[in-house]
N, C-alpha and C. Protein backbone atom coordinates (compact mmCIF):
# COMPACT_ATOMS: atom_id res chain seq x y z
N UNK A 1 -11.31 19.58 -15.34
CA UNK A 1 -10.57 18.75 -16.27
C UNK A 1 -10.49 17.31 -15.74
N UNK A 2 -10.94 16.35 -16.52
CA UNK A 2 -10.94 14.95 -16.13
C UNK A 2 -9.55 14.35 -16.36
N UNK A 3 -8.93 13.76 -15.30
CA UNK A 3 -7.59 13.18 -15.48
C UNK A 3 -7.64 11.96 -16.38
N UNK A 4 -6.53 11.72 -17.04
CA UNK A 4 -6.40 10.54 -17.89
C UNK A 4 -6.03 9.36 -16.98
N UNK A 5 -7.05 8.64 -16.51
CA UNK A 5 -6.84 7.60 -15.51
C UNK A 5 -5.94 6.48 -16.01
N UNK A 6 -6.13 5.93 -17.21
CA UNK A 6 -5.22 4.88 -17.69
C UNK A 6 -3.76 5.34 -17.75
N UNK A 7 -3.55 6.59 -18.18
CA UNK A 7 -2.17 7.10 -18.24
C UNK A 7 -1.57 7.22 -16.85
N UNK A 8 -2.35 7.72 -15.88
CA UNK A 8 -1.85 7.87 -14.51
C UNK A 8 -1.54 6.50 -13.92
N UNK A 9 -2.39 5.52 -14.21
CA UNK A 9 -2.15 4.17 -13.68
C UNK A 9 -0.86 3.59 -14.24
N UNK A 10 -0.64 3.77 -15.55
CA UNK A 10 0.61 3.28 -16.14
C UNK A 10 1.81 4.04 -15.58
N UNK A 11 1.64 5.34 -15.35
CA UNK A 11 2.73 6.15 -14.81
C UNK A 11 3.11 5.67 -13.41
N UNK A 12 2.12 5.43 -12.57
CA UNK A 12 2.38 4.93 -11.22
C UNK A 12 3.05 3.56 -11.28
N UNK A 13 2.54 2.69 -12.15
CA UNK A 13 3.10 1.34 -12.30
C UNK A 13 4.58 1.38 -12.67
N UNK A 14 4.93 2.24 -13.62
CA UNK A 14 6.32 2.32 -14.08
C UNK A 14 7.22 2.97 -13.04
N UNK A 15 6.73 4.03 -12.40
CA UNK A 15 7.57 4.73 -11.42
C UNK A 15 7.84 3.88 -10.18
N UNK A 16 6.89 3.03 -9.82
CA UNK A 16 7.13 2.15 -8.67
C UNK A 16 8.22 1.13 -8.96
N UNK A 17 8.43 0.82 -10.24
CA UNK A 17 9.45 -0.15 -10.61
C UNK A 17 10.84 0.48 -10.71
N UNK A 18 10.92 1.79 -10.75
CA UNK A 18 12.21 2.47 -10.94
C UNK A 18 13.23 2.09 -9.86
N UNK A 19 12.87 2.10 -8.56
CA UNK A 19 13.88 1.73 -7.55
C UNK A 19 14.46 0.33 -7.76
N UNK A 20 13.60 -0.62 -8.15
CA UNK A 20 14.09 -1.98 -8.39
C UNK A 20 15.05 -2.02 -9.56
N UNK A 21 14.72 -1.28 -10.62
CA UNK A 21 15.59 -1.24 -11.80
C UNK A 21 16.94 -0.62 -11.44
N UNK A 22 16.90 0.48 -10.69
CA UNK A 22 18.15 1.15 -10.31
C UNK A 22 18.99 0.26 -9.39
N UNK A 23 18.33 -0.45 -8.48
CA UNK A 23 19.06 -1.33 -7.58
C UNK A 23 19.73 -2.47 -8.36
N UNK A 24 18.97 -3.04 -9.30
CA UNK A 24 19.54 -4.12 -10.12
C UNK A 24 20.69 -3.61 -10.99
N UNK A 25 20.54 -2.39 -11.51
CA UNK A 25 21.58 -1.80 -12.35
C UNK A 25 22.86 -1.56 -11.55
N UNK A 26 22.70 -0.99 -10.35
CA UNK A 26 23.88 -0.75 -9.51
C UNK A 26 24.52 -2.06 -9.06
N UNK A 27 23.69 -3.08 -8.81
CA UNK A 27 24.25 -4.38 -8.42
C UNK A 27 25.05 -4.99 -9.56
N UNK A 28 24.55 -4.87 -10.78
CA UNK A 28 25.25 -5.41 -11.94
C UNK A 28 26.58 -4.70 -12.17
N UNK A 29 26.65 -3.42 -11.83
CA UNK A 29 27.87 -2.64 -12.04
C UNK A 29 28.78 -2.65 -10.81
N UNK A 30 28.34 -3.31 -9.75
CA UNK A 30 29.16 -3.37 -8.54
C UNK A 30 29.20 -2.08 -7.77
N UNK A 31 28.10 -1.33 -7.78
CA UNK A 31 28.07 -0.02 -7.12
C UNK A 31 27.21 -0.02 -5.85
N UNK A 32 27.18 -1.14 -5.15
CA UNK A 32 26.36 -1.21 -3.92
C UNK A 32 27.20 -1.08 -2.65
N UNK A 33 28.42 -0.62 -2.79
CA UNK A 33 29.23 -0.37 -1.61
C UNK A 33 30.03 -1.57 -1.17
N UNK A 34 30.62 -1.44 0.02
CA UNK A 34 31.51 -2.49 0.52
C UNK A 34 30.75 -3.76 0.90
N UNK A 35 29.49 -3.62 1.29
CA UNK A 35 28.66 -4.78 1.66
C UNK A 35 27.40 -4.76 0.81
N UNK A 36 27.47 -5.23 -0.44
CA UNK A 36 26.34 -5.11 -1.35
C UNK A 36 25.10 -5.87 -0.90
N UNK A 37 25.28 -7.02 -0.28
CA UNK A 37 24.12 -7.80 0.17
C UNK A 37 23.36 -7.04 1.25
N UNK A 38 24.09 -6.50 2.21
CA UNK A 38 23.44 -5.74 3.28
C UNK A 38 22.77 -4.49 2.72
N UNK A 39 23.41 -3.84 1.75
CA UNK A 39 22.82 -2.64 1.14
C UNK A 39 21.51 -3.01 0.44
N UNK A 40 21.49 -4.11 -0.30
CA UNK A 40 20.29 -4.52 -1.01
C UNK A 40 19.18 -4.90 -0.04
N UNK A 41 19.53 -5.56 1.06
CA UNK A 41 18.53 -5.93 2.06
C UNK A 41 17.92 -4.69 2.68
N UNK A 42 18.76 -3.75 3.09
CA UNK A 42 18.26 -2.52 3.71
C UNK A 42 17.41 -1.71 2.74
N UNK A 43 17.84 -1.62 1.49
CA UNK A 43 17.11 -0.81 0.51
C UNK A 43 15.73 -1.38 0.21
N UNK A 44 15.65 -2.68 -0.02
CA UNK A 44 14.35 -3.28 -0.32
C UNK A 44 13.41 -3.21 0.89
N UNK A 45 13.96 -3.36 2.09
CA UNK A 45 13.13 -3.22 3.29
C UNK A 45 12.57 -1.82 3.43
N UNK A 46 13.42 -0.83 3.19
CA UNK A 46 12.96 0.56 3.25
C UNK A 46 11.89 0.84 2.21
N UNK A 47 12.08 0.32 1.00
CA UNK A 47 11.11 0.54 -0.06
C UNK A 47 9.76 -0.11 0.27
N UNK A 48 9.81 -1.29 0.88
CA UNK A 48 8.57 -1.94 1.27
C UNK A 48 7.79 -1.09 2.27
N UNK A 49 8.49 -0.53 3.24
CA UNK A 49 7.82 0.34 4.21
C UNK A 49 7.25 1.60 3.55
N UNK A 50 8.01 2.17 2.65
CA UNK A 50 7.54 3.37 1.94
C UNK A 50 6.25 3.07 1.19
N UNK A 51 6.21 1.96 0.47
CA UNK A 51 5.03 1.64 -0.32
C UNK A 51 3.86 1.22 0.56
N UNK A 52 4.13 0.63 1.72
CA UNK A 52 3.04 0.34 2.65
C UNK A 52 2.39 1.63 3.14
N UNK A 53 3.22 2.61 3.50
CA UNK A 53 2.68 3.90 3.95
C UNK A 53 1.92 4.59 2.83
N UNK A 54 2.45 4.54 1.61
CA UNK A 54 1.76 5.15 0.48
C UNK A 54 0.42 4.46 0.21
N UNK A 55 0.39 3.13 0.38
CA UNK A 55 -0.87 2.41 0.20
C UNK A 55 -1.91 2.88 1.19
N UNK A 56 -1.50 3.05 2.45
CA UNK A 56 -2.44 3.49 3.48
C UNK A 56 -2.80 4.97 3.33
N UNK A 57 -1.99 5.71 2.61
CA UNK A 57 -2.25 7.13 2.41
C UNK A 57 -3.31 7.39 1.34
N UNK A 58 -3.59 6.40 0.51
CA UNK A 58 -4.49 6.63 -0.63
C UNK A 58 -5.89 7.01 -0.16
N UNK A 59 -6.46 6.26 0.81
CA UNK A 59 -7.83 6.53 1.24
C UNK A 59 -7.99 7.94 1.83
N UNK A 60 -7.11 8.38 2.77
CA UNK A 60 -7.25 9.77 3.24
C UNK A 60 -7.10 10.78 2.11
N UNK A 61 -6.19 10.53 1.19
CA UNK A 61 -5.97 11.46 0.09
C UNK A 61 -7.22 11.55 -0.79
N UNK A 62 -7.82 10.40 -1.05
CA UNK A 62 -9.02 10.37 -1.89
C UNK A 62 -10.16 11.13 -1.21
N UNK A 63 -10.32 10.89 0.09
CA UNK A 63 -11.46 11.51 0.79
C UNK A 63 -11.25 13.01 1.02
N UNK A 64 -10.03 13.41 1.34
CA UNK A 64 -9.78 14.81 1.65
C UNK A 64 -9.65 15.66 0.39
N UNK A 65 -9.02 15.11 -0.64
CA UNK A 65 -8.82 15.86 -1.88
C UNK A 65 -9.87 15.54 -2.94
N UNK A 66 -10.76 14.57 -2.62
CA UNK A 66 -11.81 14.17 -3.56
C UNK A 66 -11.22 13.65 -4.87
N UNK A 67 -10.10 12.94 -4.75
CA UNK A 67 -9.48 12.33 -5.93
C UNK A 67 -9.99 10.90 -6.06
N UNK A 68 -11.24 10.73 -6.36
CA UNK A 68 -11.80 9.38 -6.45
C UNK A 68 -11.12 8.56 -7.53
N UNK A 69 -10.63 9.22 -8.56
CA UNK A 69 -9.98 8.52 -9.65
C UNK A 69 -8.66 7.88 -9.23
N UNK A 70 -8.09 8.32 -8.09
CA UNK A 70 -6.79 7.80 -7.66
C UNK A 70 -6.92 6.47 -6.90
N UNK A 71 -8.14 6.07 -6.55
CA UNK A 71 -8.34 4.86 -5.77
C UNK A 71 -7.76 3.63 -6.45
N UNK A 72 -7.81 3.59 -7.77
CA UNK A 72 -7.35 2.41 -8.50
C UNK A 72 -5.85 2.17 -8.32
N UNK A 73 -5.10 3.19 -7.91
CA UNK A 73 -3.66 3.03 -7.75
C UNK A 73 -3.28 2.38 -6.42
N UNK A 74 -4.25 2.26 -5.50
CA UNK A 74 -3.96 1.65 -4.20
C UNK A 74 -3.50 0.21 -4.36
N UNK A 75 -4.14 -0.52 -5.26
CA UNK A 75 -3.78 -1.91 -5.48
C UNK A 75 -2.35 -2.03 -6.01
N UNK A 76 -1.98 -1.14 -6.92
CA UNK A 76 -0.62 -1.17 -7.48
C UNK A 76 0.41 -0.91 -6.39
N UNK A 77 0.16 0.09 -5.55
CA UNK A 77 1.09 0.42 -4.48
C UNK A 77 1.20 -0.73 -3.48
N UNK A 78 0.08 -1.36 -3.16
CA UNK A 78 0.11 -2.49 -2.24
C UNK A 78 0.88 -3.67 -2.78
N UNK A 79 0.72 -3.95 -4.06
CA UNK A 79 1.45 -5.07 -4.67
C UNK A 79 2.94 -4.78 -4.72
N UNK A 80 3.31 -3.54 -4.96
CA UNK A 80 4.73 -3.20 -4.94
C UNK A 80 5.30 -3.28 -3.52
N UNK A 81 4.50 -2.94 -2.51
CA UNK A 81 4.95 -3.10 -1.12
C UNK A 81 5.26 -4.57 -0.84
N UNK A 82 4.39 -5.46 -1.32
CA UNK A 82 4.64 -6.90 -1.15
C UNK A 82 5.85 -7.34 -1.96
N UNK A 83 5.99 -6.84 -3.17
CA UNK A 83 7.12 -7.21 -4.03
C UNK A 83 8.45 -6.85 -3.36
N UNK A 84 8.55 -5.64 -2.82
CA UNK A 84 9.81 -5.24 -2.20
C UNK A 84 10.04 -5.97 -0.88
N UNK A 85 8.96 -6.29 -0.13
CA UNK A 85 9.12 -7.07 1.10
C UNK A 85 9.58 -8.48 0.77
N UNK A 86 9.03 -9.06 -0.29
CA UNK A 86 9.46 -10.41 -0.69
C UNK A 86 10.90 -10.40 -1.17
N UNK A 87 11.27 -9.37 -1.95
CA UNK A 87 12.67 -9.25 -2.39
C UNK A 87 13.59 -9.08 -1.19
N UNK A 88 13.14 -8.32 -0.20
CA UNK A 88 13.90 -8.10 1.03
C UNK A 88 14.21 -9.44 1.71
N UNK A 89 13.19 -10.29 1.82
CA UNK A 89 13.39 -11.59 2.47
C UNK A 89 14.22 -12.53 1.61
N UNK A 90 13.96 -12.55 0.30
CA UNK A 90 14.66 -13.49 -0.58
C UNK A 90 16.15 -13.17 -0.68
N UNK A 91 16.50 -11.89 -0.70
CA UNK A 91 17.92 -11.52 -0.72
C UNK A 91 18.60 -12.00 0.56
N UNK A 92 17.91 -11.82 1.68
CA UNK A 92 18.45 -12.28 2.96
C UNK A 92 18.59 -13.81 2.97
N UNK A 93 17.57 -14.52 2.48
CA UNK A 93 17.56 -15.97 2.53
C UNK A 93 18.55 -16.60 1.55
N UNK A 94 18.66 -16.02 0.35
CA UNK A 94 19.52 -16.62 -0.67
C UNK A 94 20.97 -16.19 -0.57
N UNK A 95 21.20 -14.91 -0.36
CA UNK A 95 22.57 -14.40 -0.39
C UNK A 95 23.23 -14.33 0.99
N UNK A 96 22.42 -14.00 2.01
CA UNK A 96 22.99 -13.90 3.35
C UNK A 96 22.99 -15.25 4.06
N UNK A 97 21.89 -15.99 3.96
CA UNK A 97 21.77 -17.31 4.62
C UNK A 97 22.09 -18.46 3.68
N UNK A 98 22.34 -18.17 2.42
CA UNK A 98 22.75 -19.17 1.42
C UNK A 98 21.75 -20.34 1.33
N UNK A 99 20.45 -19.99 1.31
CA UNK A 99 19.35 -20.95 1.14
C UNK A 99 19.28 -21.99 2.26
N UNK A 100 19.82 -21.66 3.40
CA UNK A 100 19.80 -22.58 4.54
C UNK A 100 18.57 -22.30 5.40
N UNK A 101 17.64 -23.27 5.39
CA UNK A 101 16.43 -23.10 6.20
C UNK A 101 16.77 -23.13 7.68
N UNK A 102 17.60 -24.09 8.07
CA UNK A 102 17.98 -24.19 9.48
C UNK A 102 18.77 -22.96 9.94
N UNK A 103 19.65 -22.47 9.06
CA UNK A 103 20.41 -21.27 9.40
C UNK A 103 19.51 -20.05 9.53
N UNK A 104 18.48 -19.95 8.66
CA UNK A 104 17.55 -18.83 8.73
C UNK A 104 16.73 -18.88 10.00
N UNK A 105 16.22 -20.08 10.35
CA UNK A 105 15.42 -20.22 11.57
C UNK A 105 16.28 -19.96 12.81
N UNK A 106 17.52 -20.40 12.77
CA UNK A 106 18.42 -20.15 13.90
C UNK A 106 18.68 -18.66 14.06
N UNK A 107 18.86 -17.98 12.93
CA UNK A 107 19.10 -16.54 12.98
C UNK A 107 17.87 -15.80 13.52
N UNK A 108 16.69 -16.28 13.15
CA UNK A 108 15.46 -15.66 13.64
C UNK A 108 15.31 -15.83 15.15
N UNK A 109 15.73 -16.99 15.65
CA UNK A 109 15.63 -17.22 17.10
C UNK A 109 16.60 -16.33 17.87
N UNK A 110 17.73 -16.02 17.24
CA UNK A 110 18.72 -15.17 17.90
C UNK A 110 18.39 -13.68 17.76
N UNK A 111 17.71 -13.34 16.67
CA UNK A 111 17.39 -11.93 16.40
C UNK A 111 15.88 -11.79 16.21
N UNK A 112 15.16 -11.42 17.26
CA UNK A 112 13.69 -11.37 17.20
C UNK A 112 13.15 -10.43 16.12
N UNK A 113 13.90 -9.41 15.73
CA UNK A 113 13.39 -8.49 14.71
C UNK A 113 13.20 -9.20 13.37
N UNK A 114 13.98 -10.29 13.14
CA UNK A 114 13.79 -11.05 11.92
C UNK A 114 12.45 -11.78 11.93
N UNK A 115 12.07 -12.30 13.09
CA UNK A 115 10.78 -12.98 13.20
C UNK A 115 9.63 -12.00 13.02
N UNK A 116 9.78 -10.80 13.56
CA UNK A 116 8.73 -9.78 13.41
C UNK A 116 8.58 -9.39 11.94
N UNK A 117 9.71 -9.18 11.26
CA UNK A 117 9.65 -8.82 9.85
C UNK A 117 9.05 -9.94 9.00
N UNK A 118 9.40 -11.20 9.32
CA UNK A 118 8.84 -12.33 8.58
C UNK A 118 7.34 -12.43 8.81
N UNK A 119 6.90 -12.12 10.02
CA UNK A 119 5.46 -12.11 10.31
C UNK A 119 4.74 -11.09 9.43
N UNK A 120 5.34 -9.91 9.29
CA UNK A 120 4.74 -8.90 8.42
C UNK A 120 4.64 -9.37 6.99
N UNK A 121 5.67 -10.07 6.50
CA UNK A 121 5.64 -10.59 5.13
C UNK A 121 4.56 -11.65 4.98
N UNK A 122 4.45 -12.55 5.96
CA UNK A 122 3.43 -13.61 5.90
C UNK A 122 2.03 -12.99 5.86
N UNK A 123 1.81 -11.93 6.62
CA UNK A 123 0.51 -11.27 6.62
C UNK A 123 0.19 -10.68 5.25
N UNK A 124 1.21 -10.24 4.56
CA UNK A 124 1.00 -9.60 3.26
C UNK A 124 0.68 -10.61 2.15
N UNK A 125 1.00 -11.89 2.37
CA UNK A 125 0.77 -12.90 1.33
C UNK A 125 -0.71 -12.99 0.95
N UNK A 126 -1.64 -13.20 1.91
CA UNK A 126 -3.05 -13.26 1.51
C UNK A 126 -3.57 -11.95 0.93
N UNK A 127 -2.99 -10.83 1.31
CA UNK A 127 -3.41 -9.55 0.75
C UNK A 127 -3.04 -9.47 -0.72
N UNK A 128 -1.85 -9.95 -1.05
CA UNK A 128 -1.42 -9.95 -2.46
C UNK A 128 -2.23 -10.95 -3.28
N UNK A 129 -2.48 -12.12 -2.71
CA UNK A 129 -3.21 -13.16 -3.43
C UNK A 129 -4.64 -12.73 -3.75
N UNK A 130 -5.25 -11.97 -2.84
CA UNK A 130 -6.65 -11.57 -3.02
C UNK A 130 -6.79 -10.17 -3.62
N UNK A 131 -5.79 -9.72 -4.34
CA UNK A 131 -5.83 -8.36 -4.89
C UNK A 131 -6.48 -8.28 -6.26
N UNK A 132 -6.94 -9.41 -6.81
CA UNK A 132 -7.56 -9.40 -8.14
C UNK A 132 -9.05 -9.15 -8.04
N UNK A 133 -9.63 -8.70 -9.14
CA UNK A 133 -11.08 -8.47 -9.17
C UNK A 133 -11.86 -9.75 -8.94
N UNK A 134 -11.34 -10.87 -9.45
CA UNK A 134 -12.04 -12.15 -9.27
C UNK A 134 -12.10 -12.53 -7.80
N UNK A 135 -10.99 -12.30 -7.06
CA UNK A 135 -10.99 -12.64 -5.63
C UNK A 135 -11.91 -11.71 -4.85
N UNK A 136 -12.01 -10.47 -5.27
CA UNK A 136 -12.94 -9.55 -4.61
C UNK A 136 -14.36 -10.06 -4.78
N UNK A 137 -14.69 -10.53 -5.98
CA UNK A 137 -16.03 -11.06 -6.23
C UNK A 137 -16.28 -12.34 -5.44
N UNK A 138 -15.27 -13.20 -5.33
CA UNK A 138 -15.44 -14.45 -4.60
C UNK A 138 -15.61 -14.22 -3.10
N UNK A 139 -14.82 -13.30 -2.55
CA UNK A 139 -14.90 -13.02 -1.11
C UNK A 139 -16.08 -12.14 -0.75
N UNK A 140 -16.47 -11.29 -1.69
CA UNK A 140 -17.47 -10.28 -1.36
C UNK A 140 -16.78 -9.02 -0.87
N UNK A 141 -17.35 -7.89 -1.19
CA UNK A 141 -16.69 -6.62 -0.85
C UNK A 141 -16.46 -6.46 0.64
N UNK A 142 -17.45 -6.83 1.46
CA UNK A 142 -17.34 -6.64 2.91
C UNK A 142 -16.22 -7.50 3.49
N UNK A 143 -16.20 -8.79 3.15
CA UNK A 143 -15.16 -9.68 3.68
C UNK A 143 -13.79 -9.29 3.14
N UNK A 144 -13.75 -8.83 1.89
CA UNK A 144 -12.47 -8.43 1.29
C UNK A 144 -11.90 -7.21 2.03
N UNK A 145 -12.76 -6.26 2.35
CA UNK A 145 -12.30 -5.07 3.07
C UNK A 145 -11.80 -5.45 4.47
N UNK A 146 -12.51 -6.35 5.14
CA UNK A 146 -12.07 -6.78 6.47
C UNK A 146 -10.71 -7.45 6.41
N UNK A 147 -10.51 -8.29 5.40
CA UNK A 147 -9.22 -8.96 5.25
C UNK A 147 -8.11 -7.96 5.01
N UNK A 148 -8.36 -6.98 4.17
CA UNK A 148 -7.30 -6.05 3.78
C UNK A 148 -7.02 -4.98 4.84
N UNK A 149 -7.77 -5.01 5.93
CA UNK A 149 -7.38 -4.19 7.06
C UNK A 149 -6.11 -4.72 7.72
N UNK A 150 -5.73 -5.94 7.37
CA UNK A 150 -4.46 -6.48 7.86
C UNK A 150 -3.26 -5.70 7.33
N UNK A 151 -3.50 -4.84 6.35
CA UNK A 151 -2.42 -3.99 5.85
C UNK A 151 -1.83 -3.17 6.99
N UNK A 152 -2.69 -2.71 7.90
CA UNK A 152 -2.20 -1.93 9.04
C UNK A 152 -1.33 -2.80 9.95
N UNK A 153 -1.72 -4.06 10.13
CA UNK A 153 -0.92 -4.97 10.97
C UNK A 153 0.44 -5.22 10.33
N UNK A 154 0.42 -5.42 9.00
CA UNK A 154 1.69 -5.62 8.29
C UNK A 154 2.59 -4.39 8.41
N UNK A 155 1.99 -3.21 8.30
CA UNK A 155 2.77 -1.98 8.42
C UNK A 155 3.34 -1.81 9.82
N UNK A 156 2.55 -2.14 10.84
CA UNK A 156 3.04 -2.06 12.22
C UNK A 156 4.20 -3.03 12.43
N UNK A 157 4.06 -4.26 11.89
CA UNK A 157 5.14 -5.24 12.01
C UNK A 157 6.40 -4.74 11.31
N UNK A 158 6.22 -4.09 10.15
CA UNK A 158 7.38 -3.57 9.43
C UNK A 158 8.08 -2.47 10.20
N UNK A 159 7.30 -1.58 10.81
CA UNK A 159 7.90 -0.48 11.58
C UNK A 159 8.61 -1.02 12.83
N UNK A 160 7.98 -1.98 13.52
CA UNK A 160 8.60 -2.57 14.71
C UNK A 160 9.89 -3.31 14.32
N UNK A 161 9.84 -4.02 13.19
CA UNK A 161 11.02 -4.72 12.67
C UNK A 161 12.17 -3.73 12.42
N UNK A 162 11.84 -2.62 11.81
CA UNK A 162 12.85 -1.61 11.51
C UNK A 162 13.37 -0.97 12.80
N UNK A 163 12.47 -0.71 13.73
CA UNK A 163 12.84 -0.08 14.99
C UNK A 163 13.77 -0.98 15.80
N UNK A 164 13.48 -2.28 15.81
CA UNK A 164 14.33 -3.22 16.55
C UNK A 164 15.68 -3.42 15.87
N UNK A 165 15.69 -3.27 14.55
CA UNK A 165 16.94 -3.46 13.79
C UNK A 165 17.93 -2.34 14.05
N UNK A 166 17.43 -1.10 14.04
CA UNK A 166 18.32 0.06 14.19
C UNK A 166 18.73 0.21 15.65
N UNK A 167 19.99 0.43 15.88
CA UNK A 167 20.50 0.49 17.25
C UNK A 167 20.91 1.90 17.66
N UNK A 168 21.23 2.76 16.70
CA UNK A 168 21.74 4.08 17.06
C UNK A 168 20.83 5.20 16.57
N UNK A 169 20.80 5.41 15.29
CA UNK A 169 20.05 6.51 14.70
C UNK A 169 18.60 6.07 14.47
N UNK A 170 17.70 6.57 15.32
CA UNK A 170 16.30 6.15 15.24
C UNK A 170 15.42 7.13 14.47
N UNK A 171 16.01 8.06 13.76
CA UNK A 171 15.20 9.07 13.09
C UNK A 171 14.26 8.47 12.05
N UNK A 172 14.76 7.57 11.21
CA UNK A 172 13.92 6.99 10.17
C UNK A 172 12.85 6.08 10.75
N UNK A 173 13.18 5.17 11.68
CA UNK A 173 12.10 4.38 12.28
C UNK A 173 11.04 5.24 12.96
N UNK A 174 11.45 6.31 13.62
CA UNK A 174 10.48 7.19 14.27
C UNK A 174 9.64 7.94 13.24
N UNK A 175 10.25 8.29 12.11
CA UNK A 175 9.50 8.96 11.06
C UNK A 175 8.41 8.04 10.50
N UNK A 176 8.75 6.78 10.25
CA UNK A 176 7.75 5.81 9.78
C UNK A 176 6.68 5.58 10.85
N UNK A 177 7.11 5.47 12.11
CA UNK A 177 6.15 5.27 13.19
C UNK A 177 5.20 6.45 13.31
N UNK A 178 5.72 7.66 13.13
CA UNK A 178 4.87 8.85 13.19
C UNK A 178 3.86 8.89 12.06
N UNK A 179 4.32 8.57 10.84
CA UNK A 179 3.41 8.55 9.69
C UNK A 179 2.32 7.50 9.88
N UNK A 180 2.71 6.33 10.37
CA UNK A 180 1.74 5.28 10.58
C UNK A 180 0.76 5.65 11.69
N UNK A 181 1.24 6.31 12.75
CA UNK A 181 0.36 6.73 13.83
C UNK A 181 -0.68 7.73 13.33
N UNK A 182 -0.26 8.64 12.46
CA UNK A 182 -1.20 9.62 11.90
C UNK A 182 -2.27 8.91 11.07
N UNK A 183 -1.85 7.96 10.24
CA UNK A 183 -2.80 7.25 9.38
C UNK A 183 -3.75 6.39 10.20
N UNK A 184 -3.25 5.73 11.23
CA UNK A 184 -4.11 4.95 12.11
C UNK A 184 -5.06 5.86 12.89
N UNK A 185 -4.54 6.98 13.36
CA UNK A 185 -5.39 7.93 14.08
C UNK A 185 -6.49 8.48 13.20
N UNK A 186 -6.17 8.78 11.95
CA UNK A 186 -7.19 9.28 11.02
C UNK A 186 -8.26 8.23 10.79
N UNK A 187 -7.83 6.97 10.65
CA UNK A 187 -8.81 5.90 10.41
C UNK A 187 -9.73 5.73 11.63
N UNK A 188 -9.18 5.79 12.84
CA UNK A 188 -9.99 5.67 14.04
C UNK A 188 -10.96 6.84 14.16
N UNK A 189 -10.47 8.03 13.84
CA UNK A 189 -11.33 9.21 13.94
C UNK A 189 -12.51 9.11 12.98
N UNK A 190 -12.23 8.73 11.74
CA UNK A 190 -13.32 8.62 10.76
C UNK A 190 -14.25 7.46 11.07
N UNK A 191 -13.73 6.41 11.74
CA UNK A 191 -14.59 5.28 12.10
C UNK A 191 -15.60 5.68 13.16
N UNK A 192 -15.18 6.52 14.11
CA UNK A 192 -16.08 6.95 15.18
C UNK A 192 -16.80 8.26 14.86
N UNK A 193 -16.37 8.95 13.83
CA UNK A 193 -17.01 10.20 13.42
C UNK A 193 -17.28 10.17 11.92
N UNK A 194 -18.20 9.32 11.49
CA UNK A 194 -18.47 9.24 10.05
C UNK A 194 -19.06 10.54 9.54
N UNK A 195 -18.81 10.88 8.29
CA UNK A 195 -19.38 12.11 7.74
C UNK A 195 -20.90 12.02 7.70
N UNK A 196 -21.59 13.16 7.92
CA UNK A 196 -23.05 13.13 7.91
C UNK A 196 -23.59 12.68 6.56
N UNK A 197 -24.64 11.89 6.64
CA UNK A 197 -25.24 11.40 5.39
C UNK A 197 -25.86 12.56 4.63
N UNK A 198 -25.68 12.53 3.34
CA UNK A 198 -26.27 13.58 2.51
C UNK A 198 -27.77 13.39 2.42
N UNK A 199 -28.52 14.46 2.59
CA UNK A 199 -29.98 14.32 2.47
C UNK A 199 -30.36 13.92 1.06
N UNK A 200 -31.41 13.10 0.96
CA UNK A 200 -31.81 12.68 -0.40
C UNK A 200 -32.25 13.87 -1.22
N UNK A 201 -31.85 13.86 -2.45
CA UNK A 201 -32.20 14.97 -3.33
C UNK A 201 -33.70 14.95 -3.59
N UNK A 202 -34.30 16.11 -3.42
CA UNK A 202 -35.74 16.22 -3.68
C UNK A 202 -36.00 16.12 -5.17
N UNK A 203 -37.04 15.38 -5.54
CA UNK A 203 -37.31 15.23 -6.98
C UNK A 203 -37.68 16.55 -7.62
N UNK A 204 -37.13 16.74 -8.76
CA UNK A 204 -37.44 17.98 -9.48
C UNK A 204 -38.83 17.90 -10.09
N UNK A 205 -39.58 18.98 -9.98
CA UNK A 205 -40.92 18.96 -10.61
C UNK A 205 -40.79 18.86 -12.12
N UNK A 206 -41.64 18.01 -12.67
CA UNK A 206 -41.60 17.87 -14.12
C UNK A 206 -42.09 19.14 -14.78
N UNK A 207 -41.42 19.55 -15.83
CA UNK A 207 -41.83 20.80 -16.50
C UNK A 207 -43.25 20.68 -17.06
N UNK A 208 -44.00 21.74 -16.85
CA UNK A 208 -45.37 21.77 -17.34
C UNK A 208 -45.39 22.00 -18.85
N UNK A 209 -46.22 21.22 -19.47
CA UNK A 209 -46.33 21.39 -20.91
C UNK A 209 -47.18 22.62 -21.22
N UNK A 210 -46.74 23.38 -22.19
CA UNK A 210 -47.53 24.57 -22.54
C UNK A 210 -48.90 24.18 -23.09
N UNK A 211 -49.89 24.98 -22.74
CA UNK A 211 -51.24 24.72 -23.22
C UNK A 211 -51.31 24.95 -24.73
N UNK A 212 -51.90 23.97 -25.38
CA UNK A 212 -51.98 24.09 -26.84
C UNK A 212 -52.86 25.27 -27.25
N UNK A 213 -52.39 26.03 -28.20
CA UNK A 213 -53.11 27.19 -28.70
C UNK A 213 -53.89 26.73 -29.96
N UNK A 214 -55.21 26.93 -29.97
CA UNK A 214 -55.97 26.49 -31.15
C UNK A 214 -55.56 27.22 -32.39
N UNK A 215 -55.57 26.49 -33.44
CA UNK A 215 -55.19 27.08 -34.73
C UNK A 215 -56.32 27.99 -35.20
N UNK A 216 -55.99 29.24 -35.41
CA UNK A 216 -57.01 30.24 -35.79
C UNK A 216 -57.15 30.41 -37.29
N UNK A 217 -56.34 29.59 -38.00
CA UNK A 217 -56.43 29.74 -39.45
C UNK A 217 -57.71 29.09 -39.98
N UNK A 218 -58.24 29.60 -41.08
CA UNK A 218 -59.46 29.09 -41.67
C UNK A 218 -59.10 27.98 -42.65
């Protein structure tokens, strides 16, 4: 059975937006707890990490499950990872730092995890900008793939940022670190152990035409 690819793409697109809609809805109703700004910052940061991991999970899933049709959703997941990372930073900059550039830079110097997280966001900017078909054509497939390997660097920066932020309960940072280690390990394994090339298919012999039978009628 062939999956309905356009429907699945729309479904993924809409479901990825659900957390943002729910967060905005709860913020409008005042249901973000005693510290709503901190809750929104933590939630968007967590969502960005989740979507980064899901983006990196697409290639192994496609290769192991042979879901070639699912490849098109990788771009959507990556863009949502950038969207939530950008929202994470903007909430911090606008609501926590009150649009103060000097205050933000000062806070980064005092808290190194902020600089690491900002580095991850900066790395994601060119990935988001070059996510269109036109940019793929301009860069060329090979150069585009090399550039988008920075997704792993952005994910590592995000995990390190989260790990440095948390001071007591490290279960979630370790869970993200473990998932990322597995994905990186899989990529290294496949890079050094590529699947054997399929032998070229032997040409099929052309069917022999039946010998014409002479007409015996008078």
